[in-house]
Amino acid sequence: MTIWIMASPSTSAEAGRSWGPILTWPNAFTLLRLLCIPLFLWLLFSVENRGVAAWLLGLLGATDWVDGWLARRLDQRSEFGAAFDPVVDRLLFVVAVPSLMLVSSIPVAVAVAALLREAVTVVLAVIAATRGPSRIDVTWEGKTGAFLLMFAVPMFLGASSELSYAPVLAWLAWIFALPGLAYGWYATVFQYLPHVRGRTG
């Protein structure tokens, strides 16, 4: 996974090969994940079924790797797909966490820490983008933090539902959330920030 900041300059022919075609199986799968966000909101707020909403959110997070696998398997990698996938991931995250806050399903401290870290990372990307073409390669710590939070968030939601195993999810949510936040903030402060400072210094 890569945080894309700005594509390197290229000729129009190179850009065409790099970006298109847009209508590919990996991008279609990413689009399907995007279209599931309104379904998640409908389940959570209209149907008020937190258990099903938690399972859907967990499924969307767990299938994050599928589009990348399809792109490699079918040789359909593109700059568009590389940018589209993380945008959908971030949109899913910034929709899910505040939504859980509205229904009091996630500790405020966890939600604020996760959203603030996401905001700082985006700001770093924007700052670097103003200084020239570059990208921030996500580190192992960044990937691990995202992976853990990807499961912690739906677990918090499931813990506040009527699922029979909700108490177990409550424990698991904390087990995933605390190291997830630690890894995420470590990557942002000690890896991504120095990278950006090195390019802008």
N, C-alpha and C. Protein backbone atom coordinates (compact mmCIF):
# COMPACT_ATOMS: atom_id res chain seq x y z
N MET A 1 0.85 -1.19 0.00
CA MET A 1 0.00 0.00 0.00
C MET A 1 0.88 1.23 0.00
N THR A 2 0.52 2.25 -0.74
CA THR A 2 1.32 3.45 -0.86
C THR A 2 0.45 4.68 -0.68
N ILE A 3 0.99 5.67 0.02
CA ILE A 3 0.31 6.95 0.12
C ILE A 3 0.76 7.78 -1.08
N TRP A 4 -0.10 7.94 -2.06
CA TRP A 4 0.28 8.66 -3.27
C TRP A 4 0.14 10.15 -3.05
N ILE A 5 1.17 10.88 -3.43
CA ILE A 5 1.16 12.32 -3.26
C ILE A 5 1.06 13.01 -4.61
N MET A 6 1.90 12.65 -5.56
CA MET A 6 1.85 13.23 -6.88
C MET A 6 2.57 12.31 -7.83
N ALA A 7 1.97 12.07 -8.97
CA ALA A 7 2.59 11.18 -9.94
C ALA A 7 3.78 11.87 -10.56
N SER A 8 4.78 11.09 -10.95
CA SER A 8 5.94 11.65 -11.61
C SER A 8 5.57 12.13 -12.99
N PRO A 9 6.22 13.19 -13.50
CA PRO A 9 5.92 13.70 -14.82
C PRO A 9 6.19 12.63 -15.86
N SER A 10 5.38 12.59 -16.92
CA SER A 10 5.55 11.63 -17.98
C SER A 10 4.93 12.16 -19.25
N THR A 11 5.25 11.54 -20.33
CA THR A 11 4.65 11.93 -21.59
C THR A 11 3.22 11.47 -21.61
N SER A 12 2.42 11.97 -22.55
CA SER A 12 1.01 11.59 -22.62
C SER A 12 0.86 10.10 -22.90
N ALA A 13 1.75 9.55 -23.71
CA ALA A 13 1.66 8.12 -24.01
C ALA A 13 1.96 7.30 -22.78
N GLU A 14 3.02 7.71 -22.03
CA GLU A 14 3.36 6.99 -20.80
C GLU A 14 2.25 7.12 -19.78
N ALA A 15 1.64 8.32 -19.70
CA ALA A 15 0.54 8.54 -18.76
C ALA A 15 -0.63 7.65 -19.10
N GLY A 16 -0.90 7.47 -20.39
CA GLY A 16 -2.01 6.62 -20.79
C GLY A 16 -1.80 5.20 -20.36
N ARG A 17 -0.57 4.70 -20.53
CA ARG A 17 -0.29 3.33 -20.11
C ARG A 17 -0.32 3.21 -18.60
N SER A 18 0.08 4.28 -17.91
CA SER A 18 0.17 4.23 -16.46
C SER A 18 -1.19 4.31 -15.79
N TRP A 19 -2.10 5.12 -16.34
CA TRP A 19 -3.38 5.37 -15.69
C TRP A 19 -4.52 4.48 -16.16
N GLY A 20 -4.52 4.10 -17.37
CA GLY A 20 -5.72 3.44 -17.86
C GLY A 20 -5.44 2.04 -18.31
N PRO A 21 -6.47 1.25 -18.62
CA PRO A 21 -7.88 1.63 -18.54
C PRO A 21 -8.40 1.66 -17.10
N ILE A 22 -9.45 2.45 -16.91
CA ILE A 22 -10.03 2.57 -15.57
C ILE A 22 -10.96 1.41 -15.26
N LEU A 23 -11.70 0.95 -16.28
CA LEU A 23 -12.67 -0.13 -16.07
C LEU A 23 -11.97 -1.48 -16.06
N THR A 24 -11.45 -1.85 -14.89
CA THR A 24 -10.78 -3.14 -14.71
C THR A 24 -11.41 -3.86 -13.53
N TRP A 25 -11.12 -5.14 -13.40
CA TRP A 25 -11.69 -5.91 -12.29
C TRP A 25 -11.23 -5.40 -10.93
N PRO A 26 -9.95 -5.06 -10.75
CA PRO A 26 -9.54 -4.51 -9.45
C PRO A 26 -10.28 -3.22 -9.10
N ASN A 27 -10.41 -2.32 -10.07
CA ASN A 27 -11.11 -1.06 -9.81
C ASN A 27 -12.60 -1.29 -9.58
N ALA A 28 -13.17 -2.30 -10.26
CA ALA A 28 -14.58 -2.62 -10.05
C ALA A 28 -14.79 -3.12 -8.63
N PHE A 29 -13.85 -3.90 -8.13
CA PHE A 29 -13.97 -4.40 -6.75
C PHE A 29 -13.85 -3.26 -5.75
N THR A 30 -12.91 -2.34 -6.02
CA THR A 30 -12.76 -1.17 -5.14
C THR A 30 -14.03 -0.33 -5.16
N LEU A 31 -14.65 -0.19 -6.34
CA LEU A 31 -15.90 0.55 -6.46
C LEU A 31 -17.00 -0.13 -5.67
N LEU A 32 -17.04 -1.45 -5.70
CA LEU A 32 -18.04 -2.20 -4.93
C LEU A 32 -17.88 -1.92 -3.44
N ARG A 33 -16.65 -1.89 -2.96
CA ARG A 33 -16.40 -1.57 -1.55
C ARG A 33 -16.87 -0.15 -1.23
N LEU A 34 -16.65 0.77 -2.18
CA LEU A 34 -17.10 2.15 -1.99
C LEU A 34 -18.62 2.22 -1.88
N LEU A 35 -19.31 1.47 -2.73
CA LEU A 35 -20.77 1.50 -2.74
C LEU A 35 -21.37 0.84 -1.49
N CYS A 36 -20.57 0.08 -0.77
CA CYS A 36 -21.05 -0.56 0.45
C CYS A 36 -21.07 0.41 1.63
N ILE A 37 -20.41 1.56 1.50
CA ILE A 37 -20.40 2.53 2.59
C ILE A 37 -21.82 3.04 2.89
N PRO A 38 -22.61 3.43 1.87
CA PRO A 38 -24.00 3.82 2.16
C PRO A 38 -24.80 2.67 2.77
N LEU A 39 -24.52 1.44 2.36
CA LEU A 39 -25.21 0.28 2.93
C LEU A 39 -24.89 0.15 4.41
N PHE A 40 -23.65 0.36 4.76
CA PHE A 40 -23.24 0.33 6.17
C PHE A 40 -23.99 1.39 6.98
N LEU A 41 -24.07 2.60 6.44
CA LEU A 41 -24.78 3.68 7.14
C LEU A 41 -26.26 3.37 7.28
N TRP A 42 -26.85 2.76 6.26
CA TRP A 42 -28.26 2.39 6.30
C TRP A 42 -28.50 1.34 7.38
N LEU A 43 -27.64 0.33 7.44
CA LEU A 43 -27.78 -0.71 8.46
C LEU A 43 -27.62 -0.15 9.87
N LEU A 44 -26.71 0.80 10.01
CA LEU A 44 -26.41 1.33 11.34
C LEU A 44 -27.47 2.31 11.83
N PHE A 45 -27.93 3.22 10.95
CA PHE A 45 -28.82 4.29 11.39
C PHE A 45 -30.30 4.06 11.07
N SER A 46 -30.59 3.43 9.94
CA SER A 46 -32.00 3.21 9.56
C SER A 46 -32.53 1.90 10.12
N VAL A 47 -31.82 0.82 9.85
CA VAL A 47 -32.24 -0.50 10.33
C VAL A 47 -31.87 -0.67 11.80
N GLU A 48 -30.83 0.03 12.23
CA GLU A 48 -30.33 -0.04 13.61
C GLU A 48 -29.93 -1.46 13.99
N ASN A 49 -29.28 -2.12 13.05
CA ASN A 49 -28.77 -3.47 13.30
C ASN A 49 -27.25 -3.39 13.40
N ARG A 50 -26.77 -3.18 14.59
CA ARG A 50 -25.33 -2.99 14.79
C ARG A 50 -24.53 -4.25 14.50
N GLY A 51 -25.13 -5.40 14.76
CA GLY A 51 -24.42 -6.64 14.52
C GLY A 51 -24.11 -6.84 13.05
N VAL A 52 -25.10 -6.68 12.18
CA VAL A 52 -24.89 -6.84 10.74
C VAL A 52 -23.98 -5.73 10.21
N ALA A 53 -24.18 -4.50 10.72
CA ALA A 53 -23.32 -3.39 10.30
C ALA A 53 -21.87 -3.66 10.67
N ALA A 54 -21.64 -4.24 11.84
CA ALA A 54 -20.27 -4.56 12.26
C ALA A 54 -19.65 -5.62 11.36
N TRP A 55 -20.44 -6.64 11.01
CA TRP A 55 -19.94 -7.68 10.12
C TRP A 55 -19.61 -7.12 8.73
N LEU A 56 -20.46 -6.23 8.24
CA LEU A 56 -20.19 -5.62 6.93
C LEU A 56 -18.92 -4.78 6.98
N LEU A 57 -18.77 -4.00 8.04
CA LEU A 57 -17.59 -3.16 8.18
C LEU A 57 -16.32 -4.01 8.29
N GLY A 58 -16.42 -5.09 9.03
CA GLY A 58 -15.28 -5.99 9.14
C GLY A 58 -14.94 -6.64 7.82
N LEU A 59 -15.96 -7.00 7.05
CA LEU A 59 -15.75 -7.61 5.73
C LEU A 59 -15.08 -6.63 4.79
N LEU A 60 -15.52 -5.37 4.82
CA LEU A 60 -14.92 -4.35 3.95
C LEU A 60 -13.45 -4.14 4.30
N GLY A 61 -13.14 -4.19 5.58
CA GLY A 61 -11.75 -4.04 5.98
C GLY A 61 -10.91 -5.26 5.63
N ALA A 62 -11.48 -6.44 5.83
CA ALA A 62 -10.74 -7.68 5.58
C ALA A 62 -10.47 -7.92 4.11
N THR A 63 -11.26 -7.33 3.23
CA THR A 63 -11.10 -7.55 1.78
C THR A 63 -10.28 -6.44 1.13
N ASP A 64 -9.60 -5.62 1.94
CA ASP A 64 -8.80 -4.53 1.39
C ASP A 64 -7.71 -5.03 0.44
N TRP A 65 -7.22 -6.25 0.67
CA TRP A 65 -6.13 -6.79 -0.12
C TRP A 65 -6.57 -7.34 -1.47
N VAL A 66 -7.88 -7.57 -1.64
CA VAL A 66 -8.37 -8.28 -2.82
C VAL A 66 -8.09 -7.51 -4.11
N ASP A 67 -8.35 -6.19 -4.12
CA ASP A 67 -8.14 -5.43 -5.35
C ASP A 67 -6.68 -5.44 -5.77
N GLY A 68 -5.76 -5.34 -4.80
CA GLY A 68 -4.34 -5.40 -5.12
C GLY A 68 -3.96 -6.77 -5.68
N TRP A 69 -4.53 -7.82 -5.09
CA TRP A 69 -4.26 -9.19 -5.57
C TRP A 69 -4.78 -9.37 -7.00
N LEU A 70 -5.99 -8.85 -7.25
CA LEU A 70 -6.54 -8.94 -8.60
C LEU A 70 -5.68 -8.19 -9.62
N ALA A 71 -5.20 -7.01 -9.20
CA ALA A 71 -4.38 -6.21 -10.11
C ALA A 71 -3.11 -6.96 -10.50
N ARG A 72 -2.49 -7.63 -9.54
CA ARG A 72 -1.28 -8.39 -9.84
C ARG A 72 -1.60 -9.66 -10.59
N ARG A 73 -2.66 -10.33 -10.18
CA ARG A 73 -3.02 -11.62 -10.80
C ARG A 73 -3.42 -11.44 -12.26
N LEU A 74 -4.19 -10.39 -12.54
CA LEU A 74 -4.70 -10.15 -13.89
C LEU A 74 -3.83 -9.17 -14.68
N ASP A 75 -2.73 -8.74 -14.07
CA ASP A 75 -1.84 -7.76 -14.70
C ASP A 75 -2.62 -6.51 -15.13
N GLN A 76 -3.40 -5.99 -14.19
CA GLN A 76 -4.22 -4.80 -14.46
C GLN A 76 -3.87 -3.68 -13.49
N ARG A 77 -2.60 -3.56 -13.17
CA ARG A 77 -2.16 -2.49 -12.29
C ARG A 77 -2.14 -1.15 -13.02
N SER A 78 -2.50 -0.10 -12.32
CA SER A 78 -2.52 1.23 -12.92
C SER A 78 -2.35 2.29 -11.84
N GLU A 79 -1.94 3.48 -12.26
CA GLU A 79 -1.82 4.59 -11.32
C GLU A 79 -3.18 4.93 -10.72
N PHE A 80 -4.23 4.85 -11.54
CA PHE A 80 -5.57 5.15 -11.04
C PHE A 80 -5.95 4.20 -9.92
N GLY A 81 -5.74 2.91 -10.15
CA GLY A 81 -6.07 1.93 -9.13
C GLY A 81 -5.26 2.12 -7.86
N ALA A 82 -3.97 2.46 -8.01
CA ALA A 82 -3.11 2.68 -6.86
C ALA A 82 -3.57 3.88 -6.04
N ALA A 83 -4.19 4.85 -6.69
CA ALA A 83 -4.71 6.02 -5.98
C ALA A 83 -6.13 5.79 -5.46
N PHE A 84 -6.94 5.08 -6.25
CA PHE A 84 -8.36 4.86 -5.92
C PHE A 84 -8.51 4.01 -4.67
N ASP A 85 -7.73 2.98 -4.54
CA ASP A 85 -7.84 2.05 -3.40
C ASP A 85 -7.61 2.75 -2.06
N PRO A 86 -6.49 3.47 -1.86
CA PRO A 86 -6.30 4.13 -0.56
C PRO A 86 -7.31 5.24 -0.29
N VAL A 87 -7.82 5.88 -1.35
CA VAL A 87 -8.86 6.90 -1.15
C VAL A 87 -10.11 6.27 -0.56
N VAL A 88 -10.51 5.12 -1.11
CA VAL A 88 -11.69 4.41 -0.60
C VAL A 88 -11.44 3.93 0.83
N ASP A 89 -10.23 3.43 1.10
CA ASP A 89 -9.89 2.98 2.45
C ASP A 89 -10.04 4.11 3.46
N ARG A 90 -9.53 5.28 3.10
CA ARG A 90 -9.60 6.42 4.00
C ARG A 90 -11.03 6.92 4.16
N LEU A 91 -11.79 6.92 3.07
CA LEU A 91 -13.17 7.35 3.14
C LEU A 91 -13.96 6.42 4.05
N LEU A 92 -13.74 5.12 3.91
CA LEU A 92 -14.41 4.14 4.76
C LEU A 92 -14.08 4.41 6.23
N PHE A 93 -12.81 4.71 6.50
CA PHE A 93 -12.38 4.95 7.88
C PHE A 93 -12.99 6.21 8.45
N VAL A 94 -12.95 7.32 7.70
CA VAL A 94 -13.44 8.59 8.23
C VAL A 94 -14.96 8.64 8.29
N VAL A 95 -15.63 7.72 7.60
CA VAL A 95 -17.09 7.61 7.73
C VAL A 95 -17.44 6.70 8.91
N ALA A 96 -16.72 5.59 9.02
CA ALA A 96 -17.06 4.60 10.04
C ALA A 96 -16.81 5.11 11.46
N VAL A 97 -15.65 5.70 11.70
CA VAL A 97 -15.31 6.09 13.07
C VAL A 97 -16.26 7.16 13.62
N PRO A 98 -16.52 8.27 12.91
CA PRO A 98 -17.50 9.23 13.43
C PRO A 98 -18.89 8.64 13.59
N SER A 99 -19.26 7.71 12.70
CA SER A 99 -20.57 7.07 12.80
C SER A 99 -20.68 6.28 14.10
N LEU A 100 -19.61 5.58 14.44
CA LEU A 100 -19.61 4.83 15.70
C LEU A 100 -19.65 5.77 16.90
N MET A 101 -19.05 6.94 16.76
CA MET A 101 -19.11 7.92 17.84
C MET A 101 -20.54 8.40 18.04
N LEU A 102 -21.28 8.56 16.94
CA LEU A 102 -22.65 9.05 17.03
C LEU A 102 -23.56 8.06 17.76
N VAL A 103 -23.24 6.78 17.64
CA VAL A 103 -24.07 5.77 18.32
C VAL A 103 -23.40 5.27 19.59
N SER A 104 -22.37 5.99 20.03
CA SER A 104 -21.67 5.67 21.29
C SER A 104 -21.16 4.24 21.32
N SER A 105 -20.56 3.81 20.20
CA SER A 105 -20.06 2.43 20.12
C SER A 105 -18.55 2.33 20.16
N ILE A 106 -17.87 3.47 20.27
CA ILE A 106 -16.41 3.44 20.31
C ILE A 106 -15.95 4.47 21.33
N PRO A 107 -14.95 4.15 22.14
CA PRO A 107 -14.44 5.13 23.11
C PRO A 107 -13.98 6.40 22.40
N VAL A 108 -14.36 7.54 22.94
CA VAL A 108 -14.03 8.81 22.31
C VAL A 108 -12.51 8.97 22.16
N ALA A 109 -11.76 8.56 23.17
CA ALA A 109 -10.31 8.71 23.12
C ALA A 109 -9.71 7.92 21.95
N VAL A 110 -10.22 6.71 21.73
CA VAL A 110 -9.73 5.89 20.62
C VAL A 110 -10.08 6.53 19.29
N ALA A 111 -11.32 6.98 19.17
CA ALA A 111 -11.77 7.59 17.93
C ALA A 111 -10.98 8.85 17.60
N VAL A 112 -10.79 9.72 18.58
CA VAL A 112 -10.06 10.96 18.36
C VAL A 112 -8.61 10.68 17.99
N ALA A 113 -7.98 9.74 18.70
CA ALA A 113 -6.58 9.39 18.41
C ALA A 113 -6.44 8.85 16.99
N ALA A 114 -7.38 8.01 16.57
CA ALA A 114 -7.32 7.42 15.23
C ALA A 114 -7.56 8.47 14.15
N LEU A 115 -8.56 9.32 14.35
CA LEU A 115 -8.87 10.35 13.35
C LEU A 115 -7.78 11.41 13.29
N LEU A 116 -7.22 11.78 14.43
CA LEU A 116 -6.17 12.79 14.45
C LEU A 116 -4.92 12.27 13.74
N ARG A 117 -4.61 11.01 13.96
CA ARG A 117 -3.46 10.42 13.26
C ARG A 117 -3.69 10.43 11.76
N GLU A 118 -4.89 10.10 11.34
CA GLU A 118 -5.22 10.11 9.92
C GLU A 118 -5.08 11.51 9.35
N ALA A 119 -5.56 12.51 10.08
CA ALA A 119 -5.48 13.89 9.62
C ALA A 119 -4.04 14.36 9.50
N VAL A 120 -3.20 14.01 10.49
CA VAL A 120 -1.79 14.41 10.45
C VAL A 120 -1.10 13.79 9.25
N THR A 121 -1.41 12.52 8.96
CA THR A 121 -0.79 11.84 7.83
C THR A 121 -1.18 12.51 6.51
N VAL A 122 -2.45 12.88 6.39
CA VAL A 122 -2.90 13.56 5.18
C VAL A 122 -2.22 14.92 5.03
N VAL A 123 -2.08 15.65 6.13
CA VAL A 123 -1.42 16.96 6.09
C VAL A 123 0.03 16.80 5.64
N LEU A 124 0.71 15.78 6.13
CA LEU A 124 2.09 15.53 5.72
C LEU A 124 2.16 15.26 4.21
N ALA A 125 1.19 14.51 3.71
CA ALA A 125 1.16 14.22 2.28
C ALA A 125 0.95 15.49 1.46
N VAL A 126 0.07 16.36 1.94
CA VAL A 126 -0.20 17.61 1.23
C VAL A 126 1.03 18.51 1.24
N ILE A 127 1.71 18.60 2.38
CA ILE A 127 2.91 19.42 2.47
C ILE A 127 3.97 18.92 1.49
N ALA A 128 4.16 17.61 1.46
CA ALA A 128 5.16 17.05 0.55
C ALA A 128 4.77 17.30 -0.90
N ALA A 129 3.46 17.25 -1.18
CA ALA A 129 3.01 17.45 -2.56
C ALA A 129 3.30 18.85 -3.06
N THR A 130 3.32 19.82 -2.15
CA THR A 130 3.60 21.20 -2.57
C THR A 130 5.07 21.42 -2.88
N ARG A 131 5.90 20.45 -2.52
CA ARG A 131 7.35 20.59 -2.71
C ARG A 131 7.87 19.83 -3.92
N GLY A 132 7.00 19.14 -4.61
CA GLY A 132 7.44 18.41 -5.79
C GLY A 132 6.90 17.00 -5.82
N PRO A 133 7.07 16.32 -6.95
CA PRO A 133 6.54 14.96 -7.10
C PRO A 133 7.20 14.00 -6.13
N SER A 134 6.37 13.28 -5.40
CA SER A 134 6.90 12.33 -4.42
C SER A 134 5.78 11.40 -3.97
N ARG A 135 6.13 10.39 -3.23
CA ARG A 135 5.14 9.53 -2.59
C ARG A 135 5.73 9.01 -1.30
N ILE A 136 4.86 8.68 -0.37
CA ILE A 136 5.30 8.11 0.90
C ILE A 136 4.96 6.63 0.88
N ASP A 137 5.97 5.80 0.90
CA ASP A 137 5.74 4.36 0.96
C ASP A 137 5.36 3.98 2.39
N VAL A 138 4.25 3.31 2.53
CA VAL A 138 3.79 2.92 3.86
C VAL A 138 4.73 1.87 4.44
N THR A 139 5.15 2.07 5.67
CA THR A 139 6.08 1.18 6.33
C THR A 139 5.36 -0.02 6.94
N TRP A 140 6.16 -0.98 7.41
CA TRP A 140 5.57 -2.16 8.05
C TRP A 140 4.74 -1.74 9.25
N GLU A 141 5.27 -0.78 10.03
CA GLU A 141 4.54 -0.32 11.21
C GLU A 141 3.23 0.35 10.83
N GLY A 142 3.25 1.13 9.75
CA GLY A 142 2.02 1.78 9.28
C GLY A 142 1.00 0.77 8.81
N LYS A 143 1.45 -0.24 8.09
CA LYS A 143 0.54 -1.28 7.62
C LYS A 143 -0.04 -2.07 8.79
N THR A 144 0.81 -2.38 9.76
CA THR A 144 0.35 -3.15 10.92
C THR A 144 -0.69 -2.36 11.71
N GLY A 145 -0.42 -1.06 11.91
CA GLY A 145 -1.38 -0.23 12.63
C GLY A 145 -2.72 -0.16 11.93
N ALA A 146 -2.68 0.02 10.61
CA ALA A 146 -3.93 0.08 9.84
C ALA A 146 -4.67 -1.25 9.90
N PHE A 147 -3.93 -2.35 9.80
CA PHE A 147 -4.54 -3.68 9.85
C PHE A 147 -5.25 -3.92 11.17
N LEU A 148 -4.59 -3.56 12.27
CA LEU A 148 -5.18 -3.79 13.59
C LEU A 148 -6.42 -2.93 13.80
N LEU A 149 -6.37 -1.67 13.40
CA LEU A 149 -7.53 -0.78 13.55
C LEU A 149 -8.67 -1.20 12.62
N MET A 150 -8.29 -1.79 11.49
CA MET A 150 -9.28 -2.26 10.53
C MET A 150 -10.24 -3.28 11.17
N PHE A 151 -9.73 -4.02 12.15
CA PHE A 151 -10.55 -5.00 12.85
C PHE A 151 -11.07 -4.47 14.19
N ALA A 152 -10.32 -3.55 14.80
CA ALA A 152 -10.74 -3.02 16.10
C ALA A 152 -12.04 -2.23 15.98
N VAL A 153 -12.16 -1.41 14.94
CA VAL A 153 -13.34 -0.56 14.78
C VAL A 153 -14.63 -1.37 14.68
N PRO A 154 -14.74 -2.35 13.77
CA PRO A 154 -15.97 -3.15 13.75
C PRO A 154 -16.18 -3.97 15.01
N MET A 155 -15.09 -4.33 15.69
CA MET A 155 -15.24 -5.07 16.96
C MET A 155 -15.88 -4.19 18.03
N PHE A 156 -15.50 -2.92 18.06
CA PHE A 156 -16.14 -2.01 19.01
C PHE A 156 -17.64 -1.91 18.72
N LEU A 157 -17.98 -1.86 17.44
CA LEU A 157 -19.39 -1.79 17.07
C LEU A 157 -20.11 -3.07 17.46
N GLY A 158 -19.50 -4.20 17.16
CA GLY A 158 -20.10 -5.48 17.53
C GLY A 158 -20.26 -5.65 19.02
N ALA A 159 -19.33 -5.06 19.77
CA ALA A 159 -19.39 -5.16 21.23
C ALA A 159 -20.59 -4.42 21.81
N SER A 160 -21.11 -3.45 21.08
CA SER A 160 -22.28 -2.69 21.56
C SER A 160 -23.57 -3.19 20.93
N SER A 161 -23.49 -4.34 20.27
CA SER A 161 -24.67 -4.91 19.62
C SER A 161 -25.29 -5.99 20.49
N GLU A 162 -26.29 -6.68 19.93
CA GLU A 162 -26.95 -7.76 20.66
C GLU A 162 -26.37 -9.12 20.29
N LEU A 163 -25.23 -9.13 19.65
CA LEU A 163 -24.58 -10.40 19.31
C LEU A 163 -24.25 -11.16 20.60
N SER A 164 -24.41 -12.46 20.55
CA SER A 164 -24.19 -13.27 21.75
C SER A 164 -22.75 -13.20 22.25
N TYR A 165 -21.81 -12.95 21.34
CA TYR A 165 -20.39 -12.91 21.71
C TYR A 165 -19.89 -11.47 21.82
N ALA A 166 -20.81 -10.52 22.05
CA ALA A 166 -20.43 -9.11 22.20
C ALA A 166 -19.39 -8.89 23.31
N PRO A 167 -19.49 -9.53 24.47
CA PRO A 167 -18.46 -9.32 25.50
C PRO A 167 -17.07 -9.72 25.04
N VAL A 168 -16.98 -10.77 24.24
CA VAL A 168 -15.67 -11.20 23.72
C VAL A 168 -15.12 -10.14 22.76
N LEU A 169 -16.00 -9.59 21.93
CA LEU A 169 -15.58 -8.55 21.00
C LEU A 169 -15.08 -7.31 21.73
N ALA A 170 -15.66 -7.03 22.88
CA ALA A 170 -15.23 -5.86 23.65
C ALA A 170 -13.77 -6.01 24.08
N TRP A 171 -13.38 -7.20 24.50
CA TRP A 171 -11.99 -7.44 24.88
C TRP A 171 -11.09 -7.42 23.65
N LEU A 172 -11.52 -8.09 22.60
CA LEU A 172 -10.70 -8.15 21.38
C LEU A 172 -10.50 -6.77 20.77
N ALA A 173 -11.52 -5.92 20.86
CA ALA A 173 -11.42 -4.57 20.28
C ALA A 173 -10.25 -3.81 20.91
N TRP A 174 -10.13 -3.89 22.23
CA TRP A 174 -9.02 -3.21 22.91
C TRP A 174 -7.69 -3.85 22.59
N ILE A 175 -7.67 -5.17 22.49
CA ILE A 175 -6.43 -5.88 22.17
C ILE A 175 -5.90 -5.47 20.80
N PHE A 176 -6.80 -5.18 19.86
CA PHE A 176 -6.40 -4.74 18.53
C PHE A 176 -6.17 -3.24 18.48
N ALA A 177 -6.97 -2.46 19.19
CA ALA A 177 -6.93 -1.01 19.08
C ALA A 177 -5.66 -0.40 19.65
N LEU A 178 -5.26 -0.81 20.85
CA LEU A 178 -4.11 -0.18 21.50
C LEU A 178 -2.81 -0.33 20.71
N PRO A 179 -2.44 -1.55 20.30
CA PRO A 179 -1.23 -1.64 19.47
C PRO A 179 -1.43 -1.02 18.09
N GLY A 180 -2.67 -1.04 17.59
CA GLY A 180 -2.94 -0.41 16.30
C GLY A 180 -2.65 1.08 16.32
N LEU A 181 -3.10 1.75 17.38
CA LEU A 181 -2.83 3.18 17.53
C LEU A 181 -1.35 3.43 17.75
N ALA A 182 -0.71 2.58 18.53
CA ALA A 182 0.72 2.75 18.82
C ALA A 182 1.55 2.63 17.54
N TYR A 183 1.29 1.59 16.76
CA TYR A 183 2.02 1.40 15.51
C TYR A 183 1.73 2.55 14.54
N GLY A 184 0.46 2.96 14.46
CA GLY A 184 0.09 4.01 13.54
C GLY A 184 0.76 5.33 13.85
N TRP A 185 0.74 5.72 15.12
CA TRP A 185 1.37 6.98 15.51
C TRP A 185 2.89 6.91 15.39
N TYR A 186 3.46 5.75 15.68
CA TYR A 186 4.91 5.59 15.52
C TYR A 186 5.30 5.82 14.06
N ALA A 187 4.54 5.22 13.15
CA ALA A 187 4.84 5.37 11.72
C ALA A 187 4.73 6.83 11.30
N THR A 188 3.69 7.51 11.78
CA THR A 188 3.47 8.90 11.37
C THR A 188 4.55 9.83 11.91
N VAL A 189 4.86 9.70 13.20
CA VAL A 189 5.78 10.63 13.86
C VAL A 189 7.24 10.32 13.56
N PHE A 190 7.62 9.05 13.57
CA PHE A 190 9.02 8.69 13.48
C PHE A 190 9.46 8.20 12.10
N GLN A 191 8.50 8.03 11.17
CA GLN A 191 8.87 7.57 9.84
C GLN A 191 8.38 8.52 8.75
N TYR A 192 7.08 8.80 8.72
CA TYR A 192 6.54 9.67 7.67
C TYR A 192 6.97 11.12 7.85
N LEU A 193 6.93 11.62 9.09
CA LEU A 193 7.32 13.01 9.34
C LEU A 193 8.78 13.27 8.97
N PRO A 194 9.73 12.43 9.41
CA PRO A 194 11.12 12.65 8.99
C PRO A 194 11.29 12.57 7.47
N HIS A 195 10.52 11.69 6.81
CA HIS A 195 10.60 11.59 5.35
C HIS A 195 10.20 12.91 4.70
N VAL A 196 9.11 13.48 5.17
CA VAL A 196 8.63 14.75 4.60
C VAL A 196 9.58 15.89 4.93
N ARG A 197 10.09 15.90 6.16
CA ARG A 197 11.03 16.95 6.55
C ARG A 197 12.32 16.86 5.74
N GLY A 198 12.71 15.63 5.40
CA GLY A 198 13.90 15.46 4.60
C GLY A 198 13.75 16.01 3.20
N ARG A 199 12.51 15.94 2.68
CA ARG A 199 12.26 16.44 1.31
C ARG A 199 12.01 17.94 1.30
N THR A 200 11.54 18.47 2.43
CA THR A 200 11.19 19.89 2.45
C THR A 200 12.24 20.74 3.16
N GLY A 201 13.23 20.08 3.75
CA GLY A 201 14.23 20.83 4.50
C GLY A 201 15.22 21.56 3.59
